[in-house]
C-alpha atoms as a PDB file:
ATOM      1  CA  MET A   1     102.223 101.975 122.636  1.00  0.00           C
ATOM      2  CA  PRO A   2     103.491 105.341 124.107  1.00  0.00           C
ATOM      3  CA  ALA A   3     106.256 106.821 121.517  1.00  0.00           C
ATOM      4  CA  ARG A   4     110.040 107.091 123.175  1.00  0.00           C
ATOM      5  CA  THR A   5     111.085 110.295 124.113  1.00  0.00           C
ATOM      6  CA  PRO A   6     114.878 110.820 123.657  1.00  0.00           C
ATOM      7  CA  LEU A   7     115.347 111.304 127.408  1.00  0.00           C
ATOM      8  CA  ARG A   8     113.918 108.099 128.010  1.00  0.00           C
ATOM      9  CA  THR A   9     116.284 106.320 125.300  1.00  0.00           C
ATOM     10  CA  ALA A  10     119.156 108.230 126.712  1.00  0.00           C
ATOM     11  CA  LEU A  11     118.574 106.634 130.322  1.00  0.00           C
ATOM     12  CA  VAL A  12     117.653 103.345 128.872  1.00  0.00           C
ATOM     13  CA  ALA A  13     121.210 103.564 127.429  1.00  0.00           C
ATOM     14  CA  ALA A  14     122.924 105.085 130.144  1.00  0.00           C
ATOM     15  CA  LEU A  15     121.653 102.490 132.277  1.00  0.00           C
ATOM     16  CA  LEU A  16     122.613  99.344 129.995  1.00  0.00           C
ATOM     17  CA  ALA A  17     125.967 100.759 129.846  1.00  0.00           C
ATOM     18  CA  VAL A  18     126.546 101.101 133.703  1.00  0.00           C
ATOM     19  CA  LEU A  19     125.202  97.317 133.955  1.00  0.00           C
ATOM     20  CA  ALA A  20     127.820  96.464 131.377  1.00  0.00           C
ATOM     21  CA  GLY A  21     130.577  97.702 133.437  1.00  0.00           C
ATOM     22  CA  CYS A  22     129.442  95.810 136.442  1.00  0.00           C
ATOM     23  CA  ASN A  23     130.134  92.342 135.000  1.00  0.00           C
ATOM     24  CA  SER A  24     133.993  92.575 134.043  1.00  0.00           C
ATOM     25  CA  ALA A  25     135.277  89.520 132.319  1.00  0.00           C
ATOM     26  CA  GLU A  26     138.393  89.647 134.865  1.00  0.00           C
ATOM     27  CA  GLU A  27     136.020  88.963 137.577  1.00  0.00           C
ATOM     28  CA  LYS A  28     135.650  85.224 138.630  1.00  0.00           C
ATOM     29  CA  PRO A  29     132.606  83.984 140.665  1.00  0.00           C
ATOM     30  CA  GLY A  30     132.729  85.306 144.314  1.00  0.00           C
ATOM     31  CA  GLY A  31     133.585  88.927 143.231  1.00  0.00           C
ATOM     32  CA  VAL A  32     137.327  88.389 143.032  1.00  0.00           C
ATOM     33  CA  THR A  33     139.310  89.388 140.372  1.00  0.00           C
ATOM     34  CA  ARG A  34     141.709  86.962 138.188  1.00  0.00           C
ATOM     35  CA  ASP A  35     145.034  88.473 140.386  1.00  0.00           C
ATOM     36  CA  GLU A  36     143.190  88.191 143.552  1.00  0.00           C
ATOM     37  CA  ALA A  37     142.099  84.554 142.777  1.00  0.00           C
ATOM     38  CA  GLU A  38     145.854  83.840 141.728  1.00  0.00           C
ATOM     39  CA  ALA A  39     146.876  85.009 144.943  1.00  0.00           C
ATOM     40  CA  LEU A  40     144.341  83.078 147.084  1.00  0.00           C
ATOM     41  CA  ASP A  41     145.628  80.107 145.235  1.00  0.00           C
ATOM     42  CA  ALA A  42     149.470  80.700 145.940  1.00  0.00           C
ATOM     43  CA  ALA A  43     148.543  81.425 149.223  1.00  0.00           C
ATOM     44  CA  ALA A  44     146.516  78.018 149.853  1.00  0.00           C
ATOM     45  CA  GLU A  45     149.350  76.274 148.119  1.00  0.00           C
ATOM     46  CA  MET A  46     151.966  77.481 150.272  1.00  0.00           C
ATOM     47  CA  LEU A  47     149.645  76.301 153.300  1.00  0.00           C
ATOM     48  CA  ASP A  48     149.169  72.989 151.903  1.00  0.00           C
ATOM     49  CA  LYS A  49     153.093  72.681 151.346  1.00  0.00           C
ATOM     50  CA  ARG A  50     154.527  73.554 154.834  1.00  0.00           C
ATOM     51  CA  GLU A  51     155.153  71.113 157.152  1.00  0.00           C
ATOM     52  CA  LEU A  52     153.615  71.012 160.493  1.00  0.00           C
ATOM     53  CA  PRO A  53     155.385  70.240 163.931  1.00  0.00           C
ATOM     54  CA  ASP A  54     154.571  66.603 165.549  1.00  0.00           C
ATOM     55  CA  LEU A  55     151.843  66.893 168.198  1.00  0.00           C
ATOM     56  CA  PRO A  56     152.861  66.376 171.642  1.00  0.00           C
ATOM     57  CA  GLU A  57     151.679  62.905 173.216  1.00  0.00           C
ATOM     58  CA  ALA A  58     148.541  63.035 175.578  1.00  0.00           C
ATOM     59  CA  THR A  59     149.641  62.992 178.975  1.00  0.00           C
ATOM     60  CA  VAL A  60     146.163  62.682 180.546  1.00  0.00           C
ATOM     61  CA  PRO A  61     143.902  59.811 180.217  1.00  0.00           C
ATOM     62  CA  ALA A  62     140.677  60.067 178.601  1.00  0.00           C
ATOM     63  CA  GLN A  63     137.795  60.343 181.046  1.00  0.00           C
ATOM     64  CA  ASP A  64     134.504  58.198 180.888  1.00  0.00           C
ATOM     65  CA  ALA A  65     131.488  60.070 179.701  1.00  0.00           C
ATOM     66  CA  PRO A  66     129.517  60.988 182.842  1.00  0.00           C
ATOM     67  CA  ALA A  67     126.013  58.840 183.395  1.00  0.00           C
ATOM     68  CA  PRO A  68     123.218  60.610 182.628  1.00  0.00           C
ATOM     69  CA  ALA A  69     121.014  61.779 185.686  1.00  0.00           C
ATOM     70  CA  ALA A  70     117.830  60.256 186.410  1.00  0.00           C
ATOM     71  CA  SER A  71     114.850  62.324 185.852  1.00  0.00           C
END
């Protein structure tokens, strides 16, 4: 087994430090922070609560489906 050099040890330590910073405890699945997730949840709740206007009644009768063409 090759001996560890100080440079190799320093590079491994730096790599581990960078990787540890990538997975923040504040980040939720999907790559959003806790604040962003709360804002998205609040926006979804507002959309769910809003009242939708009544849909107009259909004035054109439904058409029959076209007959298949003979081949």
